[in-house]
């Protein structure tokens, strides 16, 4: 069964940092890309960052860094200078590797095949 599992969410004060982790499993694909998205109550799902199989990362904003540890098969989302507006459920999603596309392609949630349950991030003011 193909799945992704997020962890690392929690409650943090404004200005603080969090690092989320994503572990994909059950994949039979040779390679895959990982996208990070978030959804706040009453709002649309929003792109946060992605990391491609090649290692290329594309964050949506400067306070975010996406990375991967190949040895541990784990993907990370480092978020700094968090603000109350960052409060949301954060999701990790996997896509059977498609390479050579531009950033706009990998920012589209519809291309991802498998989604995790999400991890809650709450930023207090």
Protein backbone atom coordinates (compact mmCIF):
# COMPACT_ATOMS: atom_id res chain seq x y z
CA UNK A 1 0.00 0.00 0.00
CA UNK A 2 1.39 3.33 -1.07
CA UNK A 3 1.36 5.99 1.62
CA UNK A 4 3.17 8.96 3.10
CA UNK A 5 3.30 9.80 6.78
CA UNK A 6 3.96 13.24 8.23
CA UNK A 7 5.21 14.08 11.70
CA UNK A 8 6.68 16.98 13.62
CA UNK A 9 3.71 19.30 13.90
CA UNK A 10 2.72 20.99 17.13
CA UNK A 11 2.20 24.25 18.93
CA UNK A 12 4.85 26.94 18.60
CA UNK A 13 5.01 30.61 19.47
CA UNK A 14 5.18 33.30 16.84
CA UNK A 15 8.75 33.63 15.60
CA UNK A 16 9.56 30.03 16.37
CA UNK A 17 10.58 27.15 14.12
CA UNK A 18 9.41 23.65 13.31
CA UNK A 19 10.74 20.85 11.20
CA UNK A 20 8.26 18.46 9.67
CA UNK A 21 9.19 15.02 8.43
CA UNK A 22 7.66 12.86 5.73
CA UNK A 23 8.36 9.18 5.22
CA UNK A 24 7.02 7.55 2.06
CA UNK A 25 6.47 3.81 2.00
CA UNK A 26 5.02 1.08 -0.13
CA UNK A 27 6.23 2.58 -3.35
CA UNK A 28 7.10 0.47 -6.31
CA UNK A 29 8.16 3.48 -8.33
CA UNK A 30 11.77 3.88 -9.21
CA UNK A 31 11.76 7.49 -8.15
CA UNK A 32 9.30 10.07 -6.94
CA UNK A 33 8.85 13.71 -6.05
CA UNK A 34 7.49 15.04 -2.74
CA UNK A 35 5.26 18.04 -2.32
CA UNK A 36 4.32 19.87 0.84
CA UNK A 37 0.95 21.57 1.08
CA UNK A 38 -1.12 23.14 3.82
CA UNK A 39 -4.75 23.87 4.45
CA UNK A 40 -6.12 26.25 7.03
CA UNK A 41 -9.77 26.13 8.16
CA UNK A 42 -12.03 27.65 5.54
CA UNK A 43 -9.22 28.09 3.04
CA UNK A 44 -8.02 26.34 -0.08
CA UNK A 45 -5.13 23.91 -0.03
CA UNK A 46 -1.93 25.84 -0.61
CA UNK A 47 1.47 24.86 -1.96
CA UNK A 48 4.34 25.19 0.52
CA UNK A 49 7.36 23.50 -1.08
CA UNK A 50 8.52 20.48 -3.01
CA UNK A 51 11.61 18.35 -3.31
CA UNK A 52 12.20 16.42 -6.50
CA UNK A 53 13.94 13.10 -6.85
CA UNK A 54 16.88 14.98 -8.33
CA UNK A 55 17.22 16.94 -5.09
CA UNK A 56 16.02 20.22 -6.54
CA UNK A 57 13.83 22.04 -4.01
CA UNK A 58 11.30 24.77 -4.61
CA UNK A 59 9.96 26.63 -1.58
CA UNK A 60 7.01 28.95 -1.91
CA UNK A 61 8.52 31.51 0.46
CA UNK A 62 11.84 32.40 1.99
CA UNK A 63 11.02 31.15 5.49
CA UNK A 64 10.73 27.57 4.30
CA UNK A 65 13.36 25.03 3.29
CA UNK A 66 12.59 21.62 1.81
CA UNK A 67 15.18 18.86 1.80
CA UNK A 68 15.65 15.11 1.72
CA UNK A 69 17.83 12.49 3.36
CA UNK A 70 18.29 9.71 0.85
CA UNK A 71 19.88 7.34 3.36
CA UNK A 72 16.86 7.59 5.65
CA UNK A 73 14.27 7.91 2.87
CA UNK A 74 12.93 10.92 4.70
CA UNK A 75 11.87 14.33 3.50
CA UNK A 76 11.94 17.45 5.65
CA UNK A 77 10.21 20.80 5.74
CA UNK A 78 12.02 23.36 7.87
CA UNK A 79 9.89 26.38 8.74
CA UNK A 80 11.36 29.44 10.44
CA UNK A 81 9.96 32.72 11.74
CA UNK A 82 6.53 31.18 11.97
CA UNK A 83 3.51 33.45 12.15
CA UNK A 84 -0.07 32.81 13.31
CA UNK A 85 -1.07 32.87 9.62
CA UNK A 86 1.00 29.70 9.15
CA UNK A 87 -1.44 27.76 11.32
CA UNK A 88 -2.79 24.90 9.21
CA UNK A 89 -2.72 21.18 8.62
CA UNK A 90 0.41 20.36 6.65
CA UNK A 91 0.41 17.52 4.17
CA UNK A 92 3.09 15.56 2.44
CA UNK A 93 2.27 14.12 -0.99
CA UNK A 94 4.18 11.86 -3.35
CA UNK A 95 4.20 11.75 -7.10
CA UNK A 96 5.60 9.09 -9.38
CA UNK A 97 8.71 10.78 -10.64
CA UNK A 98 8.26 13.13 -13.52
CA UNK A 99 11.36 15.09 -14.31
CA UNK A 100 12.21 18.02 -16.47
CA UNK A 101 9.13 20.12 -15.71
CA UNK A 102 9.06 23.71 -14.54
CA UNK A 103 8.25 24.86 -11.01
CA UNK A 104 4.61 25.54 -11.80
CA UNK A 105 4.05 21.87 -12.63
CA UNK A 106 5.31 20.60 -9.27
CA UNK A 107 3.28 23.23 -7.40
CA UNK A 108 0.02 21.78 -8.69
CA UNK A 109 -1.61 19.55 -6.06
CA UNK A 110 -3.44 17.52 -8.71
CA UNK A 111 -0.25 15.85 -9.98
CA UNK A 112 0.42 14.07 -6.68
CA UNK A 113 -0.71 10.45 -6.35
CA UNK A 114 -0.53 9.73 -2.64
CA UNK A 115 -1.32 11.96 0.33
CA UNK A 116 -0.67 11.63 4.04
CA UNK A 117 -3.13 12.30 6.83
CA UNK A 118 -1.51 15.62 7.66
CA UNK A 119 0.07 17.08 10.77
CA UNK A 120 -1.31 20.08 12.62
CA UNK A 121 0.85 23.17 13.02
CA UNK A 122 -0.46 25.86 15.36
CA UNK A 123 1.35 29.15 15.81
CA UNK A 124 0.32 31.27 18.77
CA UNK A 125 0.70 35.03 18.85
